[in-house]
Amino acid sequence: MNLKELKKVLMTGKGTISIGNHTKERLHKRGYSKGDIVSAIFTGEIVERQGVNKVVIAGRDKDNNPIVIVVAKESSLSYKLVTVMPPIDHFRFKDCI
């Protein structure tokens, strides 16, 4: 899995990036929007791989603040947002809050 695949889904509309209920709750509780997720994908880079089908992406939200998202690939055109969080671990992320 790579960022090019995720960007292609967003740009062409062919495929889905779903958000589960628990992740939606975390998203809103932490003050993020779907636009912040899109921004993270377009500005980010993969900083960690968790197995073959899951990646950690560090990027920027719509307000240019650091953001981290975890995305899992479910099938060729189906992805799932696992979580979204502010980067606070200086050992894992270059740009922390």
Protein backbone atom coordinates (compact mmCIF):
# COMPACT_ATOMS: atom_id res chain seq x y z
CA MET A 1 0.00 0.00 0.00
CA ASN A 2 1.22 3.49 -0.79
CA LEU A 3 0.04 7.09 -0.76
CA LYS A 4 -0.43 7.13 -4.51
CA GLU A 5 -3.25 4.58 -4.15
CA LEU A 6 -5.04 6.68 -1.51
CA LYS A 7 -4.65 9.89 -3.51
CA LYS A 8 -6.06 8.13 -6.57
CA VAL A 9 -9.18 7.10 -4.63
CA LEU A 10 -9.70 10.69 -3.48
CA MET A 11 -9.05 12.26 -6.87
CA THR A 12 -11.01 9.84 -9.06
CA GLY A 13 -13.76 8.73 -6.72
CA LYS A 14 -13.06 5.14 -7.71
CA GLY A 15 -12.91 3.31 -4.41
CA THR A 16 -13.71 4.20 -0.82
CA ILE A 17 -12.02 5.27 2.36
CA SER A 18 -14.44 4.37 5.13
CA ILE A 19 -14.52 5.59 8.72
CA GLY A 20 -15.94 3.34 11.43
CA ASN A 21 -18.13 4.65 14.25
CA HIS A 22 -15.40 4.47 16.90
CA THR A 23 -12.99 6.33 14.65
CA LYS A 24 -15.65 8.98 13.87
CA GLU A 25 -16.07 9.55 17.60
CA ARG A 26 -12.30 9.96 18.04
CA LEU A 27 -12.16 12.22 15.01
CA HIS A 28 -14.72 14.63 16.43
CA LYS A 29 -13.47 14.36 20.02
CA ARG A 30 -9.99 15.37 18.88
CA GLY A 31 -11.34 18.23 16.77
CA TYR A 32 -10.57 16.82 13.32
CA SER A 33 -12.75 16.80 10.21
CA LYS A 34 -12.86 14.71 7.05
CA GLY A 35 -11.07 17.59 5.34
CA ASP A 36 -8.20 17.18 7.78
CA ILE A 37 -7.92 13.52 6.76
CA VAL A 38 -7.80 14.45 3.07
CA SER A 39 -5.16 17.09 3.81
CA ALA A 40 -3.09 14.55 5.77
CA ILE A 41 -3.10 12.17 2.82
CA PHE A 42 -2.07 14.85 0.31
CA THR A 43 0.60 16.47 2.51
CA GLY A 44 1.82 13.42 4.38
CA GLU A 45 4.31 10.66 4.10
CA ILE A 46 4.27 7.08 5.28
CA VAL A 47 6.35 6.98 8.44
CA GLU A 48 5.59 3.44 9.57
CA ARG A 49 4.21 0.20 8.16
CA GLN A 50 2.14 -2.06 10.38
CA GLY A 51 2.09 -5.24 8.41
CA VAL A 52 1.43 -5.42 4.68
CA ASN A 53 -1.90 -3.61 4.60
CA LYS A 54 -1.67 -0.89 7.26
CA VAL A 55 0.31 2.36 7.23
CA VAL A 56 0.89 5.31 9.53
CA ILE A 57 0.85 8.64 7.71
CA ALA A 58 2.20 11.85 9.22
CA GLY A 59 1.04 15.00 7.47
CA ARG A 60 -0.67 18.35 7.97
CA ASP A 61 -4.32 19.12 8.68
CA LYS A 62 -6.27 21.93 6.97
CA ASP A 63 -4.83 24.46 9.44
CA ASN A 64 -1.27 23.28 8.73
CA ASN A 65 -0.94 21.56 12.11
CA PRO A 66 0.73 18.15 12.36
CA ILE A 67 -1.62 15.17 12.21
CA VAL A 68 -1.18 11.40 12.12
CA ILE A 69 -3.60 8.93 10.56
CA VAL A 70 -3.55 5.16 10.33
CA VAL A 71 -5.11 3.62 7.22
CA ALA A 72 -5.70 -0.05 6.44
CA LYS A 73 -6.24 -1.52 2.98
CA GLU A 74 -9.23 -3.86 2.93
CA SER A 75 -9.29 -4.69 -0.80
CA SER A 76 -8.00 -3.26 -4.08
CA LEU A 77 -10.23 -0.16 -3.91
CA SER A 78 -11.37 -0.20 -0.29
CA TYR A 79 -9.53 1.44 2.60
CA LYS A 80 -10.46 2.09 6.21
CA LEU A 81 -9.34 4.91 8.48
CA VAL A 82 -8.22 3.14 11.65
CA THR A 83 -7.46 6.19 13.78
CA VAL A 84 -6.49 9.84 13.72
CA MET A 85 -4.40 11.59 16.35
CA PRO A 86 -2.08 14.47 17.03
CA PRO A 87 1.57 13.41 16.86
CA ILE A 88 3.02 13.47 20.39
CA ASP A 89 5.66 10.74 20.29
CA HIS A 90 8.99 12.43 19.47
CA PHE A 91 10.59 9.03 18.85
CA ARG A 92 8.11 8.12 16.10
CA PHE A 93 7.33 11.46 14.47
CA LYS A 94 9.53 14.34 13.28
CA ASP A 95 6.90 17.03 13.75
CA CYS A 96 5.08 16.85 17.09
CA ILE A 97 2.72 19.14 18.94
